[in-house]
Protein backbone atom coordinates (compact mmCIF):
# COMPACT_ATOMS: atom_id res chain seq x y z
CA UNK A 1 0.01 0.49 0.19
CA UNK A 2 1.58 3.21 -1.04
CA UNK A 3 2.34 6.13 2.17
CA UNK A 4 -0.82 8.33 0.41
CA UNK A 5 -3.59 4.98 0.70
CA UNK A 6 -2.99 5.23 3.79
CA UNK A 7 -3.90 9.17 4.77
CA UNK A 8 -6.89 7.84 2.39
CA UNK A 9 -10.35 7.36 4.49
CA UNK A 10 -11.05 4.03 3.91
CA UNK A 11 -14.83 5.05 2.14
CA UNK A 12 -13.08 7.61 0.43
CA UNK A 13 -11.02 4.35 -1.44
CA UNK A 14 -13.63 2.07 -1.72
CA UNK A 15 -16.63 4.90 -2.86
CA UNK A 16 -14.94 7.80 -4.98
CA UNK A 17 -17.27 10.90 -5.30
CA UNK A 18 -18.30 11.42 -8.20
CA UNK A 19 -17.08 13.95 -9.61
CA UNK A 20 -13.60 11.90 -10.04
CA UNK A 21 -15.55 8.65 -11.34
CA UNK A 22 -16.77 11.11 -13.43
CA UNK A 23 -13.90 12.52 -14.22
CA UNK A 24 -11.80 9.08 -14.69
CA UNK A 25 -15.10 7.96 -17.29
CA UNK A 26 -14.88 11.14 -19.33
CA UNK A 27 -11.05 10.13 -19.52
CA UNK A 28 -11.20 6.88 -20.90
CA UNK A 29 -14.31 8.51 -23.67
CA UNK A 30 -11.13 10.73 -24.88
CA UNK A 31 -8.70 8.43 -24.58
CA UNK A 32 -10.73 5.86 -27.47
CA UNK A 33 -11.68 8.96 -29.62
CA UNK A 34 -7.65 9.69 -30.09
CA UNK A 35 -7.14 5.82 -30.35
CA UNK A 36 -8.89 5.81 -33.26
CA UNK A 37 -7.23 8.68 -34.31
CA UNK A 38 -4.16 6.88 -34.27
CA UNK A 39 -2.85 8.48 -31.53
CA UNK A 40 -1.19 7.80 -28.05
CA UNK A 41 -1.13 9.63 -25.27
CA UNK A 42 1.55 8.02 -23.14
CA UNK A 43 4.05 9.66 -22.19
CA UNK A 44 5.28 12.85 -23.80
CA UNK A 45 3.39 11.80 -26.90
CA UNK A 46 0.91 14.11 -25.56
CA UNK A 47 2.83 16.86 -25.84
CA UNK A 48 3.43 16.22 -30.24
CA UNK A 49 2.62 18.25 -31.94
CA UNK A 50 -0.58 16.97 -34.54
CA UNK A 51 0.29 19.23 -37.54
CA UNK A 52 4.14 18.80 -37.61
CA UNK A 53 4.83 15.58 -35.43
CA UNK A 54 1.53 13.79 -36.56
CA UNK A 55 1.83 15.33 -39.95
CA UNK A 56 -2.48 15.89 -39.26
CA UNK A 57 -4.35 18.57 -41.48
CA UNK A 58 -6.04 21.52 -39.53
CA UNK A 59 -9.52 19.52 -40.89
CA UNK A 60 -9.05 15.77 -39.23
CA UNK A 61 -7.32 18.14 -35.77
CA UNK A 62 -10.41 20.40 -36.07
CA UNK A 63 -12.73 16.49 -37.02
CA UNK A 64 -11.18 14.93 -34.07
CA UNK A 65 -11.59 17.65 -31.51
CA UNK A 66 -15.64 17.63 -32.56
CA UNK A 67 -16.03 13.75 -31.59
CA UNK A 68 -14.05 14.52 -28.48
CA UNK A 69 -16.96 17.29 -27.80
CA UNK A 70 -20.08 14.55 -28.98
CA UNK A 71 -18.51 11.52 -26.54
CA UNK A 72 -17.81 14.48 -23.71
CA UNK A 73 -21.49 16.29 -24.35
CA UNK A 74 -19.55 19.86 -24.42
CA UNK A 75 -18.46 22.23 -26.59
CA UNK A 76 -14.71 23.86 -27.43
CA UNK A 77 -14.85 27.19 -28.42
CA UNK A 78 -14.29 28.10 -31.51
CA UNK A 79 -10.35 29.93 -31.46
CA UNK A 80 -9.67 27.66 -28.15
CA UNK A 81 -10.37 24.86 -31.31
CA UNK A 82 -8.36 26.15 -33.77
CA UNK A 83 -5.27 26.95 -31.93
CA UNK A 84 -5.47 23.69 -30.70
CA UNK A 85 -1.46 22.08 -31.55
CA UNK A 86 -0.93 19.22 -29.05
CA UNK A 87 -3.64 16.91 -27.40
CA UNK A 88 -3.07 18.58 -23.98
CA UNK A 89 -3.57 21.53 -24.63
CA UNK A 90 -7.12 20.05 -26.03
CA UNK A 91 -7.86 17.25 -23.20
CA UNK A 92 -6.63 20.15 -21.14
CA UNK A 93 -9.70 22.65 -22.63
CA UNK A 94 -12.37 20.01 -22.43
CA UNK A 95 -11.48 18.33 -19.24
CA UNK A 96 -10.71 21.85 -17.40
């Protein structure tokens, strides 16, 4: 058992708060959509430039963002969608 789990009450360990469960569920959805596009979010890969490192066109990046918005049932502002250059930025804007 890690030192952190020793400090967390047993009830919280077994029954995380609703907002924590929702956050993990949303992260699972995000990972699934990125996998559909062949984008890995492991390690430093989440900071790969979508245009330069992954050679994606803007239409595909905007399609990715649309799919993420649809799966999470939320919207990203247009200025943020056009400014998105790496996966971590998109995740931050959608889940933040």
